[in-house]
Amino acid sequence: MVNDRDLALLENTISTLDSLSRGQIPTLPQGACVVTGTSFDIPMLMQVDKLPKEQEPDSSDVNLVELWGGDDG
């Protein structure tokens, strides 16, 4: 997440997100996240392990050419 409006929305809606953690969000690697809330004393950076291929959700990008009946080549 790198859009300034999106980051401002986070800052305005998540009262437990400190400025240091918010500043790290644009540079987080794939699978990393900031966990915060009333269950945590301070925001924490976490790395989530990638699931094995057979357990991954079907959340890949839509192939618009295929969806709209276009020609790949």
PDB file of N, CA and C in Angstrom:
ATOM      1  N   MET A   1       0.850  -1.158   0.000  1.00  0.00           N
ATOM      2  CA  MET A   1       0.000   0.000   0.000  1.00  0.00           C
ATOM      3  C   MET A   1       0.903   1.230   0.000  1.00  0.00           C
ATOM      4  N   VAL A   2       0.795   2.028  -1.047  1.00  0.00           N
ATOM      5  CA  VAL A   2       1.655   3.202  -1.150  1.00  0.00           C
ATOM      6  C   VAL A   2       0.883   4.501  -1.415  1.00  0.00           C
ATOM      7  N   ASN A   3      -0.395   4.386  -1.736  1.00  0.00           N
ATOM      8  CA  ASN A   3      -1.198   5.560  -2.034  1.00  0.00           C
ATOM      9  C   ASN A   3      -1.365   6.426  -0.789  1.00  0.00           C
ATOM     10  N   ASP A   4      -1.065   7.714  -0.911  1.00  0.00           N
ATOM     11  CA  ASP A   4      -1.148   8.632   0.228  1.00  0.00           C
ATOM     12  C   ASP A   4      -2.543   8.681   0.844  1.00  0.00           C
ATOM     13  N   ARG A   5      -3.564   8.612   0.018  1.00  0.00           N
ATOM     14  CA  ARG A   5      -4.943   8.639   0.548  1.00  0.00           C
ATOM     15  C   ARG A   5      -5.247   7.381   1.357  1.00  0.00           C
ATOM     16  N   ASP A   6      -4.787   6.234   0.863  1.00  0.00           N
ATOM     17  CA  ASP A   6      -4.990   4.981   1.590  1.00  0.00           C
ATOM     18  C   ASP A   6      -4.265   5.018   2.932  1.00  0.00           C
ATOM     19  N   LEU A   7      -3.027   5.521   2.928  1.00  0.00           N
ATOM     20  CA  LEU A   7      -2.255   5.606   4.169  1.00  0.00           C
ATOM     21  C   LEU A   7      -2.899   6.585   5.151  1.00  0.00           C
ATOM     22  N   ALA A   8      -3.426   7.696   4.635  1.00  0.00           N
ATOM     23  CA  ALA A   8      -4.119   8.661   5.501  1.00  0.00           C
ATOM     24  C   ALA A   8      -5.377   8.038   6.093  1.00  0.00           C
ATOM     25  N   LEU A   9      -6.065   7.227   5.312  1.00  0.00           N
ATOM     26  CA  LEU A   9      -7.255   6.536   5.810  1.00  0.00           C
ATOM     27  C   LEU A   9      -6.893   5.614   6.961  1.00  0.00           C
ATOM     28  N   LEU A  10      -5.790   4.882   6.814  1.00  0.00           N
ATOM     29  CA  LEU A  10      -5.328   4.029   7.911  1.00  0.00           C
ATOM     30  C   LEU A  10      -5.041   4.851   9.157  1.00  0.00           C
ATOM     31  N   GLU A  11      -4.344   5.964   8.964  1.00  0.00           N
ATOM     32  CA  GLU A  11      -3.973   6.819  10.096  1.00  0.00           C
ATOM     33  C   GLU A  11      -5.216   7.358  10.812  1.00  0.00           C
ATOM     34  N   ASN A  12      -6.245   7.679  10.052  1.00  0.00           N
ATOM     35  CA  ASN A  12      -7.458   8.263  10.627  1.00  0.00           C
ATOM     36  C   ASN A  12      -8.422   7.248  11.219  1.00  0.00           C
ATOM     37  N   THR A  13      -8.277   5.982  10.845  1.00  0.00           N
ATOM     38  CA  THR A  13      -9.241   4.985  11.312  1.00  0.00           C
ATOM     39  C   THR A  13      -8.674   3.988  12.315  1.00  0.00           C
ATOM     40  N   ILE A  14      -7.357   3.872  12.378  1.00  0.00           N
ATOM     41  CA  ILE A  14      -6.742   2.904  13.291  1.00  0.00           C
ATOM     42  C   ILE A  14      -5.954   3.678  14.342  1.00  0.00           C
ATOM     43  N   SER A  15      -6.586   3.915  15.455  1.00  0.00           N
ATOM     44  CA  SER A  15      -5.977   4.755  16.488  1.00  0.00           C
ATOM     45  C   SER A  15      -4.742   4.119  17.119  1.00  0.00           C
ATOM     46  N   THR A  16      -4.596   2.812  17.024  1.00  0.00           N
ATOM     47  CA  THR A  16      -3.455   2.131  17.637  1.00  0.00           C
ATOM     48  C   THR A  16      -2.245   2.037  16.701  1.00  0.00           C
ATOM     49  N   LEU A  17      -2.350   2.582  15.496  1.00  0.00           N
ATOM     50  CA  LEU A  17      -1.250   2.543  14.537  1.00  0.00           C
ATOM     51  C   LEU A  17      -0.354   3.761  14.750  1.00  0.00           C
ATOM     52  N   ASP A  18       0.880   3.535  15.209  1.00  0.00           N
ATOM     53  CA  ASP A  18       1.787   4.654  15.440  1.00  0.00           C
ATOM     54  C   ASP A  18       2.458   5.088  14.132  1.00  0.00           C
ATOM     55  N   SER A  19       3.081   6.271  14.157  1.00  0.00           N
ATOM     56  CA  SER A  19       3.653   6.829  12.930  1.00  0.00           C
ATOM     57  C   SER A  19       4.821   5.997  12.405  1.00  0.00           C
ATOM     58  N   LEU A  20       5.592   5.376  13.273  1.00  0.00           N
ATOM     59  CA  LEU A  20       6.701   4.533  12.839  1.00  0.00           C
ATOM     60  C   LEU A  20       6.185   3.329  12.042  1.00  0.00           C
ATOM     61  N   SER A  21       5.168   2.661  12.570  1.00  0.00           N
ATOM     62  CA  SER A  21       4.581   1.504  11.877  1.00  0.00           C
ATOM     63  C   SER A  21       3.927   1.927  10.574  1.00  0.00           C
ATOM     64  N   ARG A  22       3.210   3.042  10.600  1.00  0.00           N
ATOM     65  CA  ARG A  22       2.554   3.547   9.392  1.00  0.00           C
ATOM     66  C   ARG A  22       3.590   3.840   8.315  1.00  0.00           C
ATOM     67  N   GLY A  23       4.743   4.383   8.708  1.00  0.00           N
ATOM     68  CA  GLY A  23       5.796   4.702   7.751  1.00  0.00           C
ATOM     69  C   GLY A  23       6.427   3.477   7.118  1.00  0.00           C
ATOM     70  N   GLN A  24       6.324   2.335   7.758  1.00  0.00           N
ATOM     71  CA  GLN A  24       6.903   1.107   7.219  1.00  0.00           C
ATOM     72  C   GLN A  24       5.983   0.401   6.233  1.00  0.00           C
ATOM     73  N   ILE A  25       4.716   0.725   6.235  1.00  0.00           N
ATOM     74  CA  ILE A  25       3.744   0.022   5.394  1.00  0.00           C
ATOM     75  C   ILE A  25       4.110   0.046   3.903  1.00  0.00           C
ATOM     76  N   PRO A  26       4.508   1.185   3.325  1.00  0.00           N
ATOM     77  CA  PRO A  26       4.821   1.175   1.885  1.00  0.00           C
ATOM     78  C   PRO A  26       6.005   0.284   1.501  1.00  0.00           C
ATOM     79  N   THR A  27       6.854  -0.059   2.443  1.00  0.00           N
ATOM     80  CA  THR A  27       8.043  -0.851   2.105  1.00  0.00           C
ATOM     81  C   THR A  27       7.974  -2.288   2.606  1.00  0.00           C
ATOM     82  N   LEU A  28       6.832  -2.709   3.102  1.00  0.00           N
ATOM     83  CA  LEU A  28       6.709  -4.082   3.591  1.00  0.00           C
ATOM     84  C   LEU A  28       6.860  -5.072   2.441  1.00  0.00           C
ATOM     85  N   PRO A  29       7.614  -6.139   2.655  1.00  0.00           N
ATOM     86  CA  PRO A  29       7.725  -7.161   1.603  1.00  0.00           C
ATOM     87  C   PRO A  29       6.428  -7.974   1.509  1.00  0.00           C
ATOM     88  N   GLN A  30       6.299  -8.739   0.449  1.00  0.00           N
ATOM     89  CA  GLN A  30       5.124  -9.591   0.254  1.00  0.00           C
ATOM     90  C   GLN A  30       4.972 -10.528   1.444  1.00  0.00           C
ATOM     91  N   GLY A  31       3.778 -10.619   1.985  1.00  0.00           N
ATOM     92  CA  GLY A  31       3.500 -11.505   3.106  1.00  0.00           C
ATOM     93  C   GLY A  31       3.715 -10.868   4.468  1.00  0.00           C
ATOM     94  N   ALA A  32       4.175  -9.631   4.496  1.00  0.00           N
ATOM     95  CA  ALA A  32       4.395  -8.946   5.774  1.00  0.00           C
ATOM     96  C   ALA A  32       3.209  -8.047   6.085  1.00  0.00           C
ATOM     97  N   CYS A  33       2.986  -7.804   7.376  1.00  0.00           N
ATOM     98  CA  CYS A  33       1.872  -6.952   7.784  1.00  0.00           C
ATOM     99  C   CYS A  33       2.185  -6.308   9.128  1.00  0.00           C
ATOM    100  N   VAL A  34       1.437  -5.264   9.425  1.00  0.00           N
ATOM    101  CA  VAL A  34       1.488  -4.633  10.737  1.00  0.00           C
ATOM    102  C   VAL A  34       0.236  -5.076  11.477  1.00  0.00           C
ATOM    103  N   VAL A  35       0.417  -5.648  12.645  1.00  0.00           N
ATOM    104  CA  VAL A  35      -0.700  -6.114  13.450  1.00  0.00           C
ATOM    105  C   VAL A  35      -0.831  -5.168  14.632  1.00  0.00           C
ATOM    106  N   THR A  36      -2.026  -4.636  14.826  1.00  0.00           N
ATOM    107  CA  THR A  36      -2.247  -3.679  15.902  1.00  0.00           C
ATOM    108  C   THR A  36      -3.680  -3.798  16.393  1.00  0.00           C
ATOM    109  N   GLY A  37      -3.922  -3.263  17.546  1.00  0.00           N
ATOM    110  CA  GLY A  37      -5.262  -3.303  18.109  1.00  0.00           C
ATOM    111  C   GLY A  37      -5.201  -3.422  19.613  1.00  0.00           C
ATOM    112  N   THR A  38      -6.341  -3.592  20.220  1.00  0.00           N
ATOM    113  CA  THR A  38      -6.417  -3.628  21.683  1.00  0.00           C
ATOM    114  C   THR A  38      -5.756  -4.859  22.288  1.00  0.00           C
ATOM    115  N   SER A  39      -5.516  -5.887  21.501  1.00  0.00           N
ATOM    116  CA  SER A  39      -4.864  -7.099  22.015  1.00  0.00           C
ATOM    117  C   SER A  39      -3.343  -6.989  22.030  1.00  0.00           C
ATOM    118  N   PHE A  40      -2.804  -5.909  21.482  1.00  0.00           N
ATOM    119  CA  PHE A  40      -1.360  -5.731  21.385  1.00  0.00           C
ATOM    120  C   PHE A  40      -0.955  -4.459  22.119  1.00  0.00           C
ATOM    121  N   ASP A  41       0.120  -4.534  22.893  1.00  0.00           N
ATOM    122  CA  ASP A  41       0.613  -3.346  23.591  1.00  0.00           C
ATOM    123  C   ASP A  41       1.173  -2.322  22.611  1.00  0.00           C
ATOM    124  N   ILE A  42       1.842  -2.808  21.578  1.00  0.00           N
ATOM    125  CA  ILE A  42       2.402  -1.942  20.535  1.00  0.00           C
ATOM    126  C   ILE A  42       2.156  -2.612  19.188  1.00  0.00           C
ATOM    127  N   PRO A  43       2.144  -1.829  18.087  1.00  0.00           N
ATOM    128  CA  PRO A  43       2.018  -2.450  16.766  1.00  0.00           C
ATOM    129  C   PRO A  43       3.196  -3.389  16.516  1.00  0.00           C
ATOM    130  N   MET A  44       2.929  -4.500  15.879  1.00  0.00           N
ATOM    131  CA  MET A  44       3.967  -5.501  15.617  1.00  0.00           C
ATOM    132  C   MET A  44       4.047  -5.789  14.125  1.00  0.00           C
ATOM    133  N   LEU A  45       5.276  -5.923  13.618  1.00  0.00           N
ATOM    134  CA  LEU A  45       5.477  -6.364  12.250  1.00  0.00           C
ATOM    135  C   LEU A  45       5.510  -7.879  12.248  1.00  0.00           C
ATOM    136  N   MET A  46       4.758  -8.487  11.329  1.00  0.00           N
ATOM    137  CA  MET A  46       4.719  -9.947  11.244  1.00  0.00           C
ATOM    138  C   MET A  46       4.923 -10.374   9.799  1.00  0.00           C
ATOM    139  N   GLN A  47       5.553 -11.519   9.636  1.00  0.00           N
ATOM    140  CA  GLN A  47       5.716 -12.134   8.323  1.00  0.00           C
ATOM    141  C   GLN A  47       4.849 -13.385   8.295  1.00  0.00           C
ATOM    142  N   VAL A  48       3.962 -13.464   7.326  1.00  0.00           N
ATOM    143  CA  VAL A  48       3.069 -14.608   7.193  1.00  0.00           C
ATOM    144  C   VAL A  48       3.663 -15.560   6.157  1.00  0.00           C
ATOM    145  N   ASP A  49       3.838 -16.821   6.536  1.00  0.00           N
ATOM    146  CA  ASP A  49       4.399 -17.806   5.618  1.00  0.00           C
ATOM    147  C   ASP A  49       3.450 -18.057   4.454  1.00  0.00           C
ATOM    148  N   LYS A  50       4.036 -18.250   3.287  1.00  0.00           N
ATOM    149  CA  LYS A  50       3.252 -18.566   2.100  1.00  0.00           C
ATOM    150  C   LYS A  50       2.699 -19.982   2.225  1.00  0.00           C
ATOM    151  N   LEU A  51       1.444 -20.159   1.834  1.00  0.00           N
ATOM    152  CA  LEU A  51       0.820 -21.473   1.862  1.00  0.00           C
ATOM    153  C   LEU A  51       1.342 -22.337   0.727  1.00  0.00           C
ATOM    154  N   PRO A  52       1.344 -23.657   0.920  1.00  0.00           N
ATOM    155  CA  PRO A  52       1.657 -24.543  -0.207  1.00  0.00           C
ATOM    156  C   PRO A  52       0.656 -24.301  -1.338  1.00  0.00           C
ATOM    157  N   LYS A  53       1.093 -24.480  -2.565  1.00  0.00           N
ATOM    158  CA  LYS A  53       0.273 -24.181  -3.748  1.00  0.00           C
ATOM    159  C   LYS A  53      -1.129 -24.790  -3.661  1.00  0.00           C
ATOM    160  N   GLU A  54      -1.244 -26.019  -3.176  1.00  0.00           N
ATOM    161  CA  GLU A  54      -2.556 -26.685  -3.131  1.00  0.00           C
ATOM    162  C   GLU A  54      -3.483 -26.105  -2.070  1.00  0.00           C
ATOM    163  N   GLN A  55      -2.954 -25.297  -1.157  1.00  0.00           N
ATOM    164  CA  GLN A  55      -3.785 -24.689  -0.114  1.00  0.00           C
ATOM    165  C   GLN A  55      -4.050 -23.204  -0.353  1.00  0.00           C
ATOM    166  N   GLU A  56      -3.447 -22.630  -1.388  1.00  0.00           N
ATOM    167  CA  GLU A  56      -3.641 -21.213  -1.671  1.00  0.00           C
ATOM    168  C   GLU A  56      -5.073 -20.952  -2.130  1.00  0.00           C
ATOM    169  N   PRO A  57      -5.642 -19.806  -1.742  1.00  0.00           N
ATOM    170  CA  PRO A  57      -6.969 -19.452  -2.249  1.00  0.00           C
ATOM    171  C   PRO A  57      -6.883 -19.094  -3.731  1.00  0.00           C
ATOM    172  N   ASP A  58      -7.987 -19.207  -4.426  1.00  0.00           N
ATOM    173  CA  ASP A  58      -8.028 -18.844  -5.844  1.00  0.00           C
ATOM    174  C   ASP A  58      -8.243 -17.338  -5.927  1.00  0.00           C
ATOM    175  N   SER A  59      -7.143 -16.593  -5.809  1.00  0.00           N
ATOM    176  CA  SER A  59      -7.264 -15.138  -5.779  1.00  0.00           C
ATOM    177  C   SER A  59      -6.316 -14.477  -6.778  1.00  0.00           C
ATOM    178  N   SER A  60      -6.003 -15.185  -7.848  1.00  0.00           N
ATOM    179  CA  SER A  60      -5.123 -14.598  -8.863  1.00  0.00           C
ATOM    180  C   SER A  60      -5.871 -13.520  -9.643  1.00  0.00           C
ATOM    181  N   ASP A  61      -5.115 -12.714 -10.362  1.00  0.00           N
ATOM    182  CA  ASP A  61      -5.716 -11.648 -11.159  1.00  0.00           C
ATOM    183  C   ASP A  61      -6.585 -12.245 -12.264  1.00  0.00           C
ATOM    184  N   VAL A  62      -7.596 -11.506 -12.632  1.00  0.00           N
ATOM    185  CA  VAL A  62      -8.495 -11.925 -13.703  1.00  0.00           C
ATOM    186  C   VAL A  62      -7.806 -11.677 -15.045  1.00  0.00           C
ATOM    187  N   ASN A  63      -7.890 -12.637 -15.932  1.00  0.00           N
ATOM    188  CA  ASN A  63      -7.384 -12.465 -17.288  1.00  0.00           C
ATOM    189  C   ASN A  63      -8.481 -11.777 -18.097  1.00  0.00           C
ATOM    190  N   LEU A  64      -8.358 -10.459 -18.265  1.00  0.00           N
ATOM    191  CA  LEU A  64      -9.417  -9.688 -18.922  1.00  0.00           C
ATOM    192  C   LEU A  64      -9.575 -10.048 -20.396  1.00  0.00           C
ATOM    193  N   VAL A  65      -8.486 -10.374 -21.072  1.00  0.00           N
ATOM    194  CA  VAL A  65      -8.578 -10.767 -22.475  1.00  0.00           C
ATOM    195  C   VAL A  65      -9.454 -12.004 -22.607  1.00  0.00           C
ATOM    196  N   GLU A  66      -9.202 -12.985 -21.732  1.00  0.00           N
ATOM    197  CA  GLU A  66      -9.996 -14.219 -21.747  1.00  0.00           C
ATOM    198  C   GLU A  66     -11.441 -13.934 -21.337  1.00  0.00           C
ATOM    199  N   LEU A  67     -11.626 -13.145 -20.308  1.00  0.00           N
ATOM    200  CA  LEU A  67     -12.955 -12.831 -19.785  1.00  0.00           C
ATOM    201  C   LEU A  67     -13.802 -12.115 -20.837  1.00  0.00           C
ATOM    202  N   TRP A  68     -13.198 -11.199 -21.575  1.00  0.00           N
ATOM    203  CA  TRP A  68     -13.951 -10.421 -22.549  1.00  0.00           C
ATOM    204  C   TRP A  68     -13.970 -11.064 -23.926  1.00  0.00           C
ATOM    205  N   GLY A  69     -13.422 -12.280 -24.019  1.00  0.00           N
ATOM    206  CA  GLY A  69     -13.472 -13.015 -25.276  1.00  0.00           C
ATOM    207  C   GLY A  69     -12.494 -12.502 -26.315  1.00  0.00           C
ATOM    208  N   GLY A  70     -11.466 -11.837 -25.888  1.00  0.00           N
ATOM    209  CA  GLY A  70     -10.466 -11.299 -26.812  1.00  0.00           C
ATOM    210  C   GLY A  70      -9.504 -12.365 -27.273  1.00  0.00           C
ATOM    211  N   ASP A  71      -8.543 -11.929 -28.055  1.00  0.00           N
ATOM    212  CA  ASP A  71      -7.547 -12.823 -28.639  1.00  0.00           C
ATOM    213  C   ASP A  71      -6.197 -12.534 -28.002  1.00  0.00           C
ATOM    214  N   ASP A  72      -5.494 -13.564 -27.521  1.00  0.00           N
ATOM    215  CA  ASP A  72      -4.197 -13.394 -26.873  1.00  0.00           C
ATOM    216  C   ASP A  72      -3.099 -12.993 -27.848  1.00  0.00           C
ATOM    217  N   GLY A  73      -3.232 -13.205 -29.059  1.00  0.00           N
ATOM    218  CA  GLY A  73      -2.096 -12.934 -29.888  1.00  0.00           C
ATOM    219  C   GLY A  73      -2.441 -12.652 -31.263  1.00  0.00           C
TER     220      GLY A  73
END
